[in-house]
Amino acid sequence: MTNQNVNLNSQITCPHCGHKSVEQMPTDACQYFYDCKGCAKVLKPKAGDCCVYCSYGTVPCPPIQEGKACC
């Protein structure tokens, strides 16, 4: 069960076109790929990041927020 202090909404900003979209993060898995709704490019995590939310989101994924290792 997810901690009540964990924010599940994160705004992803595409590094290619700048499109922004608020998305709800999964609590049971890391999201490695994200299809940009602006330019349709597939985003992947930056080197050293565990998921697209940690790379391009305003809020890191739930495990990171809870101080745990990511998926």
N, C-alpha and C. Protein backbone atom coordinates (compact mmCIF):
# COMPACT_ATOMS: atom_id res chain seq x y z
N MET A 1 0.84 -1.19 0.00
CA MET A 1 0.00 0.00 0.00
C MET A 1 0.88 1.25 0.00
N THR A 2 0.45 2.24 -0.71
CA THR A 2 1.23 3.46 -0.88
C THR A 2 1.03 4.40 0.30
N ASN A 3 2.11 5.04 0.73
CA ASN A 3 2.07 6.02 1.80
C ASN A 3 1.14 7.17 1.40
N GLN A 4 0.36 7.68 2.35
CA GLN A 4 -0.59 8.75 2.06
C GLN A 4 0.10 10.05 1.65
N ASN A 5 1.38 10.23 1.99
CA ASN A 5 2.10 11.44 1.65
C ASN A 5 2.70 11.41 0.24
N VAL A 6 2.52 10.31 -0.46
CA VAL A 6 3.08 10.17 -1.80
C VAL A 6 2.15 10.84 -2.80
N ASN A 7 2.72 11.70 -3.63
CA ASN A 7 1.97 12.37 -4.68
C ASN A 7 2.03 11.50 -5.94
N LEU A 8 0.88 11.08 -6.44
CA LEU A 8 0.85 10.20 -7.60
C LEU A 8 0.73 10.96 -8.92
N ASN A 9 0.56 12.26 -8.88
CA ASN A 9 0.44 13.04 -10.11
C ASN A 9 1.74 13.79 -10.39
N SER A 10 2.19 13.70 -11.62
CA SER A 10 3.42 14.36 -12.03
C SER A 10 3.22 14.93 -13.43
N GLN A 11 3.74 16.13 -13.65
CA GLN A 11 3.64 16.74 -14.97
C GLN A 11 4.90 16.41 -15.75
N ILE A 12 4.73 15.67 -16.84
CA ILE A 12 5.85 15.31 -17.70
C ILE A 12 6.00 16.39 -18.77
N THR A 13 7.24 16.84 -18.95
CA THR A 13 7.56 17.81 -20.00
C THR A 13 8.46 17.12 -21.02
N CYS A 14 8.02 17.09 -22.26
CA CYS A 14 8.79 16.46 -23.33
C CYS A 14 10.03 17.30 -23.64
N PRO A 15 11.21 16.68 -23.64
CA PRO A 15 12.43 17.42 -23.96
C PRO A 15 12.56 17.75 -25.45
N HIS A 16 11.74 17.11 -26.27
CA HIS A 16 11.81 17.33 -27.72
C HIS A 16 10.93 18.49 -28.18
N CYS A 17 9.69 18.54 -27.68
CA CYS A 17 8.75 19.56 -28.17
C CYS A 17 8.24 20.50 -27.08
N GLY A 18 8.51 20.17 -25.81
CA GLY A 18 8.07 21.02 -24.70
C GLY A 18 6.64 20.78 -24.25
N HIS A 19 5.95 19.82 -24.87
CA HIS A 19 4.57 19.53 -24.46
C HIS A 19 4.55 19.06 -23.01
N LYS A 20 3.55 19.54 -22.26
CA LYS A 20 3.39 19.17 -20.84
C LYS A 20 2.08 18.44 -20.66
N SER A 21 2.12 17.40 -19.84
CA SER A 21 0.92 16.62 -19.56
C SER A 21 1.00 16.07 -18.14
N VAL A 22 -0.08 16.26 -17.38
CA VAL A 22 -0.14 15.71 -16.03
C VAL A 22 -0.61 14.26 -16.13
N GLU A 23 0.16 13.37 -15.54
CA GLU A 23 -0.14 11.93 -15.59
C GLU A 23 -0.14 11.36 -14.18
N GLN A 24 -0.89 10.29 -14.00
CA GLN A 24 -0.89 9.57 -12.73
C GLN A 24 0.12 8.44 -12.82
N MET A 25 1.03 8.42 -11.86
CA MET A 25 2.09 7.41 -11.86
C MET A 25 1.57 6.08 -11.33
N PRO A 26 2.06 4.99 -11.90
CA PRO A 26 1.70 3.67 -11.36
C PRO A 26 2.36 3.47 -10.00
N THR A 27 1.73 2.71 -9.13
CA THR A 27 2.30 2.44 -7.81
C THR A 27 2.93 1.05 -7.75
N ASP A 28 2.69 0.24 -8.77
CA ASP A 28 3.16 -1.15 -8.73
C ASP A 28 4.28 -1.46 -9.72
N ALA A 29 4.72 -0.45 -10.48
CA ALA A 29 5.79 -0.67 -11.46
C ALA A 29 6.37 0.67 -11.88
N CYS A 30 7.60 0.63 -12.38
CA CYS A 30 8.20 1.84 -12.93
C CYS A 30 7.80 1.96 -14.39
N GLN A 31 7.68 3.18 -14.86
CA GLN A 31 7.31 3.40 -16.25
C GLN A 31 8.57 3.80 -17.01
N TYR A 32 9.03 2.90 -17.87
CA TYR A 32 10.27 3.11 -18.61
C TYR A 32 10.05 3.87 -19.92
N PHE A 33 8.85 3.80 -20.47
CA PHE A 33 8.56 4.45 -21.74
C PHE A 33 7.32 5.32 -21.60
N TYR A 34 7.32 6.44 -22.33
CA TYR A 34 6.17 7.34 -22.32
C TYR A 34 6.03 7.93 -23.71
N ASP A 35 4.84 7.82 -24.29
CA ASP A 35 4.58 8.39 -25.61
C ASP A 35 4.12 9.84 -25.43
N CYS A 36 4.90 10.78 -25.96
CA CYS A 36 4.55 12.19 -25.86
C CYS A 36 3.26 12.45 -26.64
N LYS A 37 2.35 13.15 -26.00
CA LYS A 37 1.07 13.47 -26.65
C LYS A 37 1.20 14.66 -27.59
N GLY A 38 2.35 15.32 -27.58
CA GLY A 38 2.57 16.47 -28.46
C GLY A 38 3.24 16.09 -29.77
N CYS A 39 4.36 15.36 -29.67
CA CYS A 39 5.12 15.03 -30.89
C CYS A 39 5.18 13.53 -31.18
N ALA A 40 4.62 12.71 -30.29
CA ALA A 40 4.55 11.25 -30.44
C ALA A 40 5.90 10.54 -30.30
N LYS A 41 6.94 11.25 -29.86
CA LYS A 41 8.22 10.58 -29.61
C LYS A 41 8.10 9.76 -28.33
N VAL A 42 8.84 8.67 -28.28
CA VAL A 42 8.85 7.82 -27.11
C VAL A 42 9.98 8.28 -26.18
N LEU A 43 9.60 8.68 -24.97
CA LEU A 43 10.59 9.11 -23.99
C LEU A 43 11.08 7.91 -23.20
N LYS A 44 12.36 7.90 -22.90
CA LYS A 44 12.99 6.87 -22.07
C LYS A 44 13.72 7.58 -20.95
N PRO A 45 13.93 6.92 -19.82
CA PRO A 45 14.65 7.58 -18.71
C PRO A 45 16.06 8.01 -19.11
N LYS A 46 16.51 9.11 -18.51
CA LYS A 46 17.89 9.55 -18.70
C LYS A 46 18.81 8.57 -17.98
N ALA A 47 20.06 8.54 -18.37
CA ALA A 47 21.05 7.68 -17.72
C ALA A 47 21.07 7.98 -16.22
N GLY A 48 20.97 6.94 -15.41
CA GLY A 48 21.00 7.08 -13.96
C GLY A 48 19.63 7.23 -13.32
N ASP A 49 18.59 7.49 -14.12
CA ASP A 49 17.22 7.59 -13.60
C ASP A 49 16.50 6.26 -13.81
N CYS A 50 15.55 5.99 -12.92
CA CYS A 50 14.87 4.70 -12.99
C CYS A 50 13.63 4.71 -13.88
N CYS A 51 13.06 5.89 -14.14
CA CYS A 51 11.83 5.93 -14.92
C CYS A 51 11.64 7.30 -15.56
N VAL A 52 10.65 7.42 -16.43
CA VAL A 52 10.41 8.70 -17.12
C VAL A 52 9.96 9.80 -16.17
N TYR A 53 9.31 9.44 -15.07
CA TYR A 53 8.87 10.46 -14.10
C TYR A 53 10.06 11.08 -13.38
N CYS A 54 11.06 10.28 -13.08
CA CYS A 54 12.26 10.81 -12.43
C CYS A 54 13.07 11.67 -13.40
N SER A 55 12.98 11.39 -14.69
CA SER A 55 13.72 12.16 -15.69
C SER A 55 13.00 13.41 -16.15
N TYR A 56 11.70 13.32 -16.41
CA TYR A 56 10.98 14.41 -17.07
C TYR A 56 9.79 14.95 -16.29
N GLY A 57 9.51 14.38 -15.12
CA GLY A 57 8.36 14.79 -14.34
C GLY A 57 8.67 15.83 -13.28
N THR A 58 7.61 16.45 -12.79
CA THR A 58 7.76 17.43 -11.71
C THR A 58 7.84 16.75 -10.35
N VAL A 59 7.43 15.49 -10.30
CA VAL A 59 7.44 14.71 -9.07
C VAL A 59 8.09 13.36 -9.38
N PRO A 60 9.06 12.92 -8.57
CA PRO A 60 9.67 11.61 -8.82
C PRO A 60 8.69 10.47 -8.51
N CYS A 61 9.01 9.28 -8.96
CA CYS A 61 8.12 8.13 -8.79
C CYS A 61 7.91 7.79 -7.31
N PRO A 62 6.83 7.06 -7.00
CA PRO A 62 6.49 6.74 -5.61
C PRO A 62 7.62 6.10 -4.79
N PRO A 63 8.35 5.10 -5.31
CA PRO A 63 9.42 4.53 -4.47
C PRO A 63 10.49 5.57 -4.08
N ILE A 64 10.84 6.45 -4.99
CA ILE A 64 11.83 7.48 -4.69
C ILE A 64 11.28 8.46 -3.66
N GLN A 65 10.01 8.82 -3.79
CA GLN A 65 9.38 9.71 -2.81
C GLN A 65 9.40 9.12 -1.42
N GLU A 66 9.28 7.79 -1.35
CA GLU A 66 9.26 7.10 -0.05
C GLU A 66 10.67 6.80 0.46
N GLY A 67 11.70 7.21 -0.29
CA GLY A 67 13.07 6.98 0.14
C GLY A 67 13.56 5.57 -0.10
N LYS A 68 12.91 4.86 -0.99
CA LYS A 68 13.30 3.48 -1.32
C LYS A 68 14.03 3.46 -2.63
N ALA A 69 14.62 2.32 -2.93
CA ALA A 69 15.23 2.12 -4.25
C ALA A 69 14.10 1.97 -5.26
N CYS A 70 14.33 2.47 -6.43
CA CYS A 70 13.32 2.36 -7.48
C CYS A 70 13.27 0.92 -7.99
N CYS A 71 12.25 0.63 -8.72
CA CYS A 71 12.01 -0.70 -9.27
C CYS A 71 13.30 -1.28 -9.80
